Amino acid sequence: MMWVKFSKSEEKVNNFAYAKFLGLGKENSELFWQSLQVARLLHQHGYRGKYVFTAFCQYLPEHTGTTESELNDCCGRITAEAVRLLSQKTLKKQDYADMIRKNEVARLVKIADLIVRMEKVMRGEGGSCSTLSKEIEQYYLGFADFTKFEDKFNDLSHKLKLCTILDKTPNLDQMPPPEGWEEYNGYDRFEIVIKKARLVEGLAQDACDIYINGQRFIDLIREDERKLGWKKSMCGNYIGRPPEHVLLPENTVFIDPTKDSLRDPEDGRSYSLTCSLCGDSECSTVRVRITVNDITVTWSEIGQKSVGEVGPFTFKRDQYEYALDYGNAAYLTAYCAANGIRGLKKNKTRMMTMLCQAIMYGNKHAVALLPINDLNIHNSADEKITCWIDDTGAHFSALKATFTSKGIKMMHYNNAHPEGLEVDEVCYYKIATGMSFDYDCVTEREFDRFIQMKNNDLGKIKKCNGRSE
């Protein structure tokens, strides 16, 4: 979740809620962070003031005993009323949902709260995909319609349903290898595997373990520092930066280093590895100069303060960006865990978590892995559609998969068949598992606009050809 700048009044309510939650223990402090994420999400979508106030205060009456009078004094009547509705958890769930639906502020805060919960569950940060998916399907379907959250809410609830299938171990024999991870094409190869890195005092955090040409980047640095005469105990004591620092789509610092707030202010190099003891980018770090153009990304001047003998490396930009995509990094991590490669032990729990994350970020291989017989989670009244587009300008290829209780309907559009050509389920799996990373996963609205535009363009070309003849 990106940082936002709250107004003075919003910060005042934030401080009010924080003071109420302070000292209530770990479980309740997590509720504060949940409310903060909900407030940020609302803020980013243009819902300010009373919506943000309500997000900060939604858990206060139930967990801190805050009264409606206190809320009215601090936040105003509208927020106090919305919070009162949101905190009535003793009602039957259907009555609770129906009541919130009638109050605009409470409804939007509930939508944002469900979005944050869905993302957390799919990231493996607690809770069950099946339980939350069932709750949303029973009580909150259509809740986000005609709001700025509509596409995001519907997309996440669909992906959450797909993740419920992962409660059953998928057939790993069908797990296609990630595309592009073994391609050289004359360039160096870049890969990211997300690992749990252990710090001091039993602490741990997710870290992006970098592999270059199949070799672990930390090992390359360790050997370089050994050659430089460092003590053995000091060599290679690093971990990768956290995924939320460097992985697309949330963060672009490895593509646009100028946006990196942790970039070395003295020489302009970016942190690629951080201290393995504290995980702090202000401690021992390995820095690289990242140079980007339309075709390549180059890493040079690699080392701590002084430059060592590792590199430089030149990566093909599309392969590099593909490796940095969160969904693809998550899928590669799951693939490595499942197949016991890249030094990862076989760990089905970790594998399932990473597959959920891959699905959340739209990785087509993770979706294609799902057993077809289990797609009956969709019913005829609740069709779900996933779309991909590959457009080179002169030629295009577009795919639309409709999931129903009866299976999958797959339509393939291209220059020869702009009206679409239906393909069977076997063909769907061949296409879905064989698609190159040139395909972009898009919403159905974007897909329909794209197809309409291509049909119009092709129609103009035919008309012009007819005149010229």
Protein backbone atom coordinates (compact mmCIF):
# COMPACT_ATOMS: atom_id res chain seq x y z
CA MET A 1 0.00 0.00 0.00
CA MET A 2 1.51 3.30 -1.08
CA TRP A 3 2.04 6.13 1.41
CA VAL A 4 -0.37 9.06 1.23
CA LYS A 5 -0.39 12.54 2.72
CA PHE A 6 -3.42 13.03 4.93
CA SER A 7 -4.90 16.46 5.62
CA LYS A 8 -4.60 18.05 9.07
CA SER A 9 -8.12 17.00 10.03
CA GLU A 10 -7.47 13.43 8.83
CA GLU A 11 -4.22 13.29 10.81
CA LYS A 12 -6.09 14.54 13.87
CA VAL A 13 -8.54 11.61 13.66
CA ASN A 14 -5.65 9.23 12.95
CA ASN A 15 -3.94 10.35 16.18
CA PHE A 16 -7.25 10.07 18.06
CA ALA A 17 -7.66 6.44 16.94
CA TYR A 18 -4.02 5.61 17.61
CA ALA A 19 -4.26 6.93 21.16
CA LYS A 20 -7.34 4.78 21.75
CA PHE A 21 -5.63 1.62 20.47
CA LEU A 22 -2.32 2.30 22.25
CA GLY A 23 -1.49 -0.33 24.84
CA LEU A 24 -4.30 -2.76 23.95
CA GLY A 25 -1.97 -5.59 22.87
CA LYS A 26 -0.79 -7.04 19.58
CA GLU A 27 -4.18 -8.18 18.26
CA ASN A 28 -5.78 -4.78 18.70
CA SER A 29 -2.72 -2.94 17.36
CA GLU A 30 -3.15 -4.98 14.17
CA LEU A 31 -6.68 -3.58 13.93
CA PHE A 32 -5.20 -0.09 13.95
CA TRP A 33 -2.88 -0.97 11.05
CA GLN A 34 -5.82 -2.51 9.22
CA SER A 35 -7.80 0.71 9.64
CA LEU A 36 -4.77 2.73 8.46
CA GLN A 37 -4.53 0.65 5.27
CA VAL A 38 -8.26 1.09 4.65
CA ALA A 39 -7.93 4.85 5.14
CA ARG A 40 -5.02 4.99 2.68
CA LEU A 41 -6.94 2.99 0.10
CA LEU A 42 -9.94 5.32 0.36
CA HIS A 43 -7.66 8.34 0.13
CA GLN A 44 -5.96 6.99 -3.03
CA HIS A 45 -9.34 6.54 -4.72
CA GLY A 46 -10.42 10.08 -3.97
CA TYR A 47 -12.62 9.39 -0.92
CA ARG A 48 -11.50 11.95 1.67
CA GLY A 49 -12.67 13.50 4.92
CA LYS A 50 -15.63 11.62 6.42
CA TYR A 51 -14.63 8.38 4.62
CA VAL A 52 -11.09 8.49 6.00
CA PHE A 53 -12.40 9.46 9.47
CA THR A 54 -14.73 6.45 9.45
CA ALA A 55 -11.97 4.09 8.33
CA PHE A 56 -9.75 5.16 11.24
CA CYS A 57 -12.55 4.81 13.79
CA GLN A 58 -14.53 1.78 12.54
CA TYR A 59 -13.13 -0.62 15.18
CA LEU A 60 -13.08 1.78 18.15
CA PRO A 61 -16.51 1.16 19.76
CA GLU A 62 -16.16 -2.62 19.72
CA HIS A 63 -12.54 -2.82 20.90
CA THR A 64 -11.90 0.33 22.95
CA GLY A 65 -15.33 1.31 24.22
CA THR A 66 -15.28 4.66 22.40
CA THR A 67 -18.73 6.25 22.60
CA GLU A 68 -20.79 7.75 19.80
CA SER A 69 -20.64 11.08 21.62
CA GLU A 70 -16.81 11.03 21.52
CA LEU A 71 -16.86 10.20 17.82
CA ASN A 72 -19.35 12.99 17.16
CA ASP A 73 -17.14 15.52 18.96
CA CYS A 74 -13.96 14.42 17.15
CA CYS A 75 -15.22 13.48 13.67
CA GLY A 76 -18.73 14.80 13.21
CA ARG A 77 -22.24 13.36 13.00
CA ILE A 78 -21.85 11.57 9.65
CA THR A 79 -18.77 9.60 10.75
CA ALA A 80 -20.30 8.80 14.15
CA GLU A 81 -23.39 7.36 12.42
CA ALA A 82 -21.32 5.31 9.93
CA VAL A 83 -19.10 3.91 12.69
CA ARG A 84 -22.17 3.00 14.75
CA LEU A 85 -23.49 0.95 11.83
CA LEU A 86 -20.15 -0.71 11.09
CA SER A 87 -19.64 -1.73 14.72
CA GLN A 88 -22.99 -3.54 15.11
CA LYS A 89 -21.47 -7.00 14.83
CA THR A 90 -24.17 -8.68 16.96
CA LEU A 91 -26.69 -8.56 14.11
CA LYS A 92 -27.19 -11.44 11.70
CA LYS A 93 -24.68 -11.07 8.89
CA GLN A 94 -27.30 -10.54 6.20
CA ASP A 95 -29.09 -7.86 8.27
CA TYR A 96 -25.70 -6.24 8.98
CA ALA A 97 -24.80 -6.14 5.26
CA ASP A 98 -28.23 -4.80 4.26
CA MET A 99 -28.00 -2.04 6.85
CA ILE A 100 -24.53 -0.92 5.76
CA ARG A 101 -25.54 -0.97 2.09
CA LYS A 102 -28.02 1.85 2.80
CA ASN A 103 -25.37 4.19 4.26
CA GLU A 104 -22.95 5.52 1.62
CA VAL A 105 -20.02 6.21 3.96
CA ALA A 106 -20.32 2.90 5.83
CA ARG A 107 -20.69 1.02 2.55
CA LEU A 108 -17.54 2.50 0.97
CA VAL A 109 -15.47 1.92 4.11
CA LYS A 110 -16.71 -1.70 4.24
CA ILE A 111 -15.77 -2.19 0.57
CA ALA A 112 -12.24 -0.85 1.20
CA ASP A 113 -11.95 -2.97 4.34
CA LEU A 114 -12.89 -6.13 2.39
CA ILE A 115 -10.36 -5.27 -0.34
CA VAL A 116 -7.58 -4.96 2.24
CA ARG A 117 -8.66 -8.24 3.87
CA MET A 118 -8.71 -10.06 0.52
CA GLU A 119 -5.21 -8.87 -0.31
CA LYS A 120 -3.91 -9.91 3.12
CA VAL A 121 -5.45 -13.38 2.91
CA MET A 122 -4.02 -13.97 -0.56
CA ARG A 123 -0.61 -12.80 0.63
CA GLY A 124 -0.76 -15.45 3.36
CA GLU A 125 -0.91 -12.94 6.22
CA GLY A 126 -3.65 -14.77 8.11
CA GLY A 127 -7.14 -16.03 7.51
CA SER A 128 -8.69 -18.50 5.10
CA CYS A 129 -9.35 -17.79 1.42
CA SER A 130 -12.35 -20.15 1.51
CA THR A 131 -13.96 -18.53 4.57
CA LEU A 132 -13.59 -14.97 3.31
CA SER A 133 -14.67 -15.90 -0.22
CA LYS A 134 -17.83 -17.56 1.12
CA GLU A 135 -18.60 -14.51 3.29
CA ILE A 136 -18.25 -12.13 0.34
CA GLU A 137 -20.32 -14.34 -1.97
CA GLN A 138 -23.13 -14.67 0.56
CA TYR A 139 -23.36 -11.10 1.81
CA TYR A 140 -21.32 -8.61 -0.22
CA LEU A 141 -21.70 -9.46 -3.93
CA GLY A 142 -22.47 -6.29 -5.87
CA PHE A 143 -21.49 -4.13 -2.89
CA ALA A 144 -18.94 -2.18 -4.93
CA ASP A 145 -21.08 -1.70 -8.05
CA PHE A 146 -21.09 1.87 -9.41
CA THR A 147 -18.22 2.93 -7.13
CA LYS A 148 -14.58 3.65 -7.93
CA PHE A 149 -13.76 0.29 -6.33
CA GLU A 150 -15.98 -1.78 -8.65
CA ASP A 151 -13.29 -3.26 -10.93
CA LYS A 152 -10.78 -3.82 -8.14
CA PHE A 153 -13.32 -5.43 -5.80
CA ASN A 154 -14.74 -7.76 -8.46
CA ASP A 155 -11.28 -8.71 -9.71
CA LEU A 156 -10.03 -9.55 -6.23
CA SER A 157 -13.15 -11.49 -5.23
CA HIS A 158 -12.80 -13.57 -8.42
CA LYS A 159 -9.11 -14.24 -7.70
CA LEU A 160 -9.96 -15.10 -4.10
CA LYS A 161 -12.34 -17.75 -5.43
CA LEU A 162 -9.56 -19.14 -7.59
CA CYS A 163 -7.31 -19.28 -4.52
CA THR A 164 -9.85 -21.44 -2.69
CA ILE A 165 -8.98 -24.21 -5.14
CA LEU A 166 -5.45 -24.13 -3.76
CA ASP A 167 -6.80 -25.52 -0.48
CA LYS A 168 -6.25 -28.75 -2.40
CA THR A 169 -2.70 -29.46 -3.54
CA PRO A 170 -2.56 -28.91 -7.31
CA ASN A 171 -1.10 -31.52 -9.64
CA LEU A 172 2.54 -30.46 -9.75
CA ASP A 173 3.12 -32.54 -12.91
CA GLN A 174 1.03 -29.91 -14.70
CA MET A 175 2.99 -26.98 -13.29
CA PRO A 176 4.53 -25.22 -16.32
CA PRO A 177 7.96 -23.66 -15.80
CA PRO A 178 8.07 -19.85 -15.73
CA GLU A 179 8.67 -18.35 -19.15
CA GLY A 180 11.83 -16.41 -19.87
CA TRP A 181 13.73 -17.58 -16.81
CA GLU A 182 16.24 -19.65 -18.81
CA GLU A 183 16.55 -17.36 -21.83
CA TYR A 184 19.83 -15.60 -22.57
CA ASN A 185 19.47 -14.21 -26.12
CA GLY A 186 22.93 -12.71 -25.76
CA TYR A 187 22.02 -10.86 -22.55
CA ASP A 188 22.56 -11.63 -18.88
CA ARG A 189 19.55 -13.24 -17.20
CA PHE A 190 17.83 -11.76 -14.15
CA GLU A 191 15.59 -13.66 -11.72
CA ILE A 192 13.88 -12.95 -8.39
CA VAL A 193 12.93 -15.61 -5.84
CA ILE A 194 11.07 -14.46 -2.72
CA LYS A 195 12.53 -16.06 0.39
CA LYS A 196 12.00 -15.75 4.11
CA ALA A 197 15.22 -14.18 5.38
CA ARG A 198 16.08 -14.66 9.06
CA LEU A 199 17.49 -11.70 10.99
CA VAL A 200 18.81 -11.41 14.53
CA GLU A 201 16.75 -12.33 17.60
CA GLY A 202 14.46 -14.66 15.69
CA LEU A 203 13.07 -11.91 13.45
CA ALA A 204 12.40 -12.64 9.78
CA GLN A 205 11.16 -10.82 6.69
CA ASP A 206 10.45 -11.62 3.06
CA ALA A 207 13.35 -10.72 0.81
CA CYS A 208 14.00 -10.70 -2.94
CA ASP A 209 16.81 -13.17 -3.53
CA ILE A 210 18.43 -12.17 -6.82
CA TYR A 211 19.86 -14.69 -9.30
CA ILE A 212 21.98 -13.59 -12.25
CA ASN A 213 22.69 -16.18 -14.96
CA GLY A 214 21.53 -18.87 -12.56
CA GLN A 215 23.95 -17.84 -9.80
CA ARG A 216 22.85 -16.36 -6.52
CA PHE A 217 23.84 -12.69 -6.42
CA ILE A 218 24.76 -12.87 -2.73
CA ASP A 219 27.18 -15.73 -3.49
CA LEU A 220 28.83 -13.66 -6.23
CA ILE A 221 29.30 -10.79 -3.75
CA ARG A 222 30.58 -13.16 -1.04
CA GLU A 223 33.28 -14.54 -3.36
CA ASP A 224 34.24 -11.02 -4.47
CA GLU A 225 34.62 -9.83 -0.87
CA ARG A 226 36.71 -12.89 -0.06
CA LYS A 227 39.07 -11.97 -2.92
CA LEU A 228 39.29 -8.44 -1.55
CA GLY A 229 40.64 -9.89 1.72
CA TRP A 230 37.60 -9.49 3.92
CA LYS A 231 37.29 -11.68 7.00
CA LYS A 232 35.33 -14.84 6.27
CA SER A 233 32.71 -13.95 8.89
CA MET A 234 32.08 -10.62 7.14
CA CYS A 235 31.74 -11.86 3.56
CA GLY A 236 28.29 -11.96 2.00
CA ASN A 237 26.30 -11.04 5.10
CA TYR A 238 23.37 -9.65 3.15
CA ILE A 239 19.73 -10.28 2.29
CA GLY A 240 17.65 -8.98 -0.60
CA ARG A 241 15.41 -5.97 -0.24
CA PRO A 242 11.75 -6.65 0.74
CA PRO A 243 9.36 -7.34 -2.20
CA GLU A 244 7.38 -4.20 -1.44
CA HIS A 245 10.54 -2.15 -2.07
CA VAL A 246 11.37 -3.36 -5.57
CA LEU A 247 8.70 -5.50 -7.25
CA LEU A 248 6.24 -4.31 -9.87
CA PRO A 249 3.51 -3.16 -10.06
CA GLU A 250 3.67 -1.37 -6.69
CA ASN A 251 7.30 -0.30 -6.92
CA THR A 252 9.49 0.72 -9.84
CA VAL A 253 12.80 1.60 -8.19
CA PHE A 254 14.79 -1.06 -10.10
CA ILE A 255 13.34 0.37 -13.34
CA ASP A 256 13.41 4.05 -12.37
CA PRO A 257 16.09 4.46 -9.67
CA THR A 258 15.30 8.17 -9.28
CA LYS A 259 12.11 7.14 -7.46
CA ASP A 260 14.07 5.18 -4.83
CA SER A 261 13.95 7.04 -1.51
CA LEU A 262 16.75 4.77 -0.25
CA ARG A 263 19.09 5.57 -3.14
CA ASP A 264 22.61 6.58 -2.06
CA PRO A 265 22.52 10.40 -2.04
CA GLU A 266 26.30 10.63 -2.53
CA ASP A 267 26.84 8.66 -5.72
CA GLY A 268 23.31 7.89 -6.98
CA ARG A 269 23.64 4.12 -6.75
CA SER A 270 20.72 1.93 -5.66
CA TYR A 271 20.65 -0.59 -2.82
CA SER A 272 20.35 -4.13 -4.17
CA LEU A 273 21.19 -6.00 -0.93
CA THR A 274 20.83 -4.95 2.70
CA CYS A 275 22.29 -5.98 6.05
CA SER A 276 21.45 -9.57 7.07
CA LEU A 277 21.52 -8.71 10.78
CA CYS A 278 18.98 -5.90 10.85
CA GLY A 279 17.58 -5.71 7.31
CA ASP A 280 18.27 -1.96 7.33
CA SER A 281 19.22 -0.22 4.08
CA GLU A 282 21.17 2.35 6.11
CA CYS A 283 23.52 -0.36 7.41
CA SER A 284 25.80 -2.65 5.33
CA THR A 285 24.56 -2.55 1.76
CA VAL A 286 25.56 -3.61 -1.74
CA ARG A 287 24.91 -0.84 -4.23
CA VAL A 288 24.60 -0.85 -8.00
CA ARG A 289 24.32 1.83 -10.63
CA ILE A 290 21.20 1.08 -12.68
CA THR A 291 21.13 2.45 -16.23
CA VAL A 292 17.94 2.01 -18.23
CA ASN A 293 17.02 2.53 -21.88
CA ASP A 294 14.23 1.21 -24.11
CA ILE A 295 16.01 -2.11 -24.80
CA THR A 296 18.36 -2.88 -21.90
CA VAL A 297 18.96 -2.44 -18.18
CA THR A 298 22.59 -2.37 -17.01
CA TRP A 299 23.95 -2.97 -13.50
CA SER A 300 27.44 -1.54 -12.97
CA GLU A 301 29.73 -0.22 -10.20
CA ILE A 302 28.62 -3.07 -7.93
CA GLY A 303 29.87 -3.16 -4.34
CA GLN A 304 29.72 -1.36 -1.02
CA LYS A 305 31.41 2.06 -0.89
CA SER A 306 34.16 0.75 -3.16
CA VAL A 307 33.41 -1.09 -6.41
CA GLY A 308 34.33 -4.78 -6.61
CA GLU A 309 34.88 -7.11 -9.56
CA VAL A 310 31.30 -8.36 -9.91
CA GLY A 311 29.59 -7.30 -13.15
CA PRO A 312 28.73 -5.25 -15.07
CA PHE A 313 25.58 -7.04 -16.25
CA THR A 314 23.32 -6.10 -19.15
CA PHE A 315 19.77 -7.49 -19.11
CA LYS A 316 17.15 -7.41 -21.84
CA ARG A 317 14.60 -4.97 -20.48
CA ASP A 318 11.45 -7.03 -21.13
CA GLN A 319 12.94 -10.13 -19.42
CA TYR A 320 14.16 -7.95 -16.53
CA GLU A 321 10.75 -6.34 -16.04
CA TYR A 322 9.05 -9.72 -16.34
CA ALA A 323 11.27 -11.04 -13.52
CA LEU A 324 10.42 -8.01 -11.37
CA ASP A 325 6.65 -8.47 -11.77
CA TYR A 326 5.29 -9.57 -8.38
CA GLY A 327 3.06 -12.26 -9.86
CA ASN A 328 5.89 -13.81 -11.83
CA ALA A 329 8.34 -13.63 -8.91
CA ALA A 330 5.73 -15.33 -6.72
CA TYR A 331 5.12 -18.03 -9.34
CA LEU A 332 8.85 -18.67 -9.79
CA THR A 333 9.17 -19.00 -6.01
CA ALA A 334 6.33 -21.54 -5.90
CA TYR A 335 7.83 -23.42 -8.84
CA CYS A 336 11.23 -23.57 -7.15
CA ALA A 337 9.69 -24.73 -3.86
CA ALA A 338 7.64 -27.41 -5.60
CA ASN A 339 10.56 -28.76 -7.58
CA GLY A 340 13.24 -28.42 -4.91
CA ILE A 341 15.51 -26.24 -7.05
CA ARG A 342 17.43 -23.03 -6.54
CA GLY A 343 18.36 -24.15 -3.04
CA LEU A 344 14.77 -24.04 -1.79
CA LYS A 345 13.49 -26.97 0.22
CA LYS A 346 10.18 -28.53 -0.78
CA ASN A 347 7.65 -26.67 1.33
CA LYS A 348 4.02 -27.03 0.29
CA THR A 349 2.76 -24.39 2.72
CA ARG A 350 5.12 -21.78 1.30
CA MET A 351 4.35 -22.97 -2.21
CA MET A 352 0.60 -22.48 -1.71
CA THR A 353 1.12 -19.00 -0.26
CA MET A 354 3.21 -17.94 -3.24
CA LEU A 355 0.70 -19.43 -5.71
CA CYS A 356 -2.05 -17.39 -4.05
CA GLN A 357 0.08 -14.28 -4.46
CA ALA A 358 0.78 -15.18 -8.09
CA ILE A 359 -2.97 -15.45 -8.74
CA MET A 360 -3.62 -12.16 -6.93
CA TYR A 361 -1.17 -10.40 -9.25
CA GLY A 362 -2.64 -12.02 -12.37
CA ASN A 363 -0.03 -14.66 -13.22
CA LYS A 364 -1.52 -16.73 -16.07
CA HIS A 365 0.53 -19.87 -15.28
CA ALA A 366 -0.83 -20.01 -11.74
CA VAL A 367 -4.40 -19.72 -13.05
CA ALA A 368 -3.76 -22.34 -15.74
CA LEU A 369 -2.52 -24.75 -13.06
CA LEU A 370 -5.92 -24.90 -11.34
CA PRO A 371 -7.68 -28.27 -11.79
CA ILE A 372 -10.47 -27.85 -14.34
CA ASN A 373 -12.87 -30.09 -12.37
CA ASP A 374 -12.72 -27.68 -9.47
CA LEU A 375 -13.87 -24.68 -11.48
CA ASN A 376 -17.46 -25.44 -10.45
CA ILE A 377 -17.01 -22.76 -7.81
CA HIS A 378 -18.58 -20.54 -10.47
CA ASN A 379 -22.27 -20.82 -11.21
CA SER A 380 -24.23 -19.76 -14.24
CA ALA A 381 -25.41 -16.62 -12.47
CA ASP A 382 -21.87 -15.70 -11.49
CA GLU A 383 -19.67 -15.98 -14.57
CA LYS A 384 -16.09 -14.79 -14.18
CA ILE A 385 -13.99 -13.62 -17.09
CA THR A 386 -10.22 -13.31 -17.48
CA CYS A 387 -8.72 -11.49 -20.47
CA TRP A 388 -5.26 -11.15 -22.05
CA ILE A 389 -4.00 -8.93 -24.86
CA ASP A 390 -0.82 -8.94 -26.98
CA ASP A 391 -0.66 -6.00 -29.39
CA THR A 392 2.36 -5.28 -31.59
CA GLY A 393 0.56 -2.62 -33.61
CA ALA A 394 0.45 -4.41 -36.95
CA HIS A 395 -0.78 -7.66 -35.42
CA PHE A 396 -2.68 -8.54 -32.27
CA SER A 397 -3.74 -11.61 -30.34
CA ALA A 398 -6.36 -11.46 -27.60
CA LEU A 399 -7.84 -14.15 -25.37
CA LYS A 400 -11.00 -14.14 -23.26
CA ALA A 401 -11.74 -17.04 -20.89
CA THR A 402 -15.22 -17.28 -19.33
CA PHE A 403 -15.40 -19.56 -16.28
CA THR A 404 -18.82 -21.09 -15.53
CA SER A 405 -20.19 -24.07 -13.64
CA LYS A 406 -20.02 -26.05 -16.91
CA GLY A 407 -16.33 -25.35 -17.58
CA ILE A 408 -14.42 -22.79 -19.63
CA LYS A 409 -15.41 -20.97 -22.79
CA MET A 410 -12.35 -19.62 -24.59
CA MET A 411 -12.47 -17.01 -27.38
CA HIS A 412 -9.38 -16.14 -29.42
CA TYR A 413 -9.24 -12.88 -31.40
CA ASN A 414 -6.57 -11.86 -33.94
CA ASN A 415 -6.18 -10.05 -37.27
CA ALA A 416 -7.61 -13.01 -39.17
CA HIS A 417 -10.52 -13.48 -36.75
CA PRO A 418 -11.35 -10.02 -35.28
CA GLU A 419 -14.85 -11.28 -34.49
CA GLY A 420 -13.38 -14.06 -32.32
CA LEU A 421 -12.96 -17.79 -32.73
CA GLU A 422 -14.07 -20.22 -30.00
CA VAL A 423 -11.50 -22.82 -28.93
CA ASP A 424 -12.01 -25.85 -26.70
CA GLU A 425 -10.74 -26.36 -23.14
CA VAL A 426 -7.73 -28.44 -24.20
CA CYS A 427 -6.70 -25.68 -26.57
CA TYR A 428 -7.24 -23.16 -23.77
CA TYR A 429 -4.70 -24.88 -21.55
CA LYS A 430 -2.21 -25.09 -24.39
CA ILE A 431 -2.65 -21.39 -25.09
CA ALA A 432 -2.70 -20.30 -21.43
CA THR A 433 0.42 -22.27 -20.48
CA GLY A 434 2.24 -21.36 -23.66
CA MET A 435 1.58 -17.63 -23.77
CA SER A 436 4.70 -15.49 -23.81
CA PHE A 437 5.13 -12.71 -21.33
CA ASP A 438 4.15 -10.23 -24.05
CA TYR A 439 0.52 -10.80 -23.06
CA ASP A 440 -1.02 -8.33 -20.63
CA CYS A 441 -3.84 -9.32 -18.26
CA VAL A 442 -6.59 -6.67 -18.54
CA THR A 443 -10.11 -6.03 -17.28
CA GLU A 444 -13.11 -7.06 -19.37
CA ARG A 445 -13.95 -3.43 -20.07
CA GLU A 446 -10.44 -2.72 -21.36
CA PHE A 447 -10.61 -5.91 -23.42
CA ASP A 448 -13.96 -5.01 -25.02
CA ARG A 449 -12.76 -1.47 -25.84
CA PHE A 450 -9.60 -2.94 -27.38
CA ILE A 451 -11.53 -5.41 -29.58
CA GLN A 452 -13.93 -2.67 -30.66
CA MET A 453 -11.00 -0.43 -31.58
CA LYS A 454 -9.32 -3.22 -33.59
CA ASN A 455 -12.56 -4.01 -35.41
CA ASN A 456 -12.96 -0.33 -36.29
CA ASP A 457 -9.34 -0.11 -37.50
CA LEU A 458 -9.66 -3.26 -39.62
CA GLY A 459 -12.98 -1.97 -41.01
CA LYS A 460 -11.33 1.29 -42.10
CA ILE A 461 -8.52 -0.64 -43.79
CA LYS A 462 -11.00 -2.80 -45.74
CA LYS A 463 -12.97 0.29 -46.74
CA CYS A 464 -9.84 2.03 -47.98
CA ASN A 465 -8.78 -1.07 -49.90
CA GLY A 466 -12.21 -1.22 -51.50
CA ARG A 467 -11.93 2.39 -52.70
CA SER A 468 -8.41 1.87 -54.03
CA GLU A 469 -9.56 -1.07 -56.06
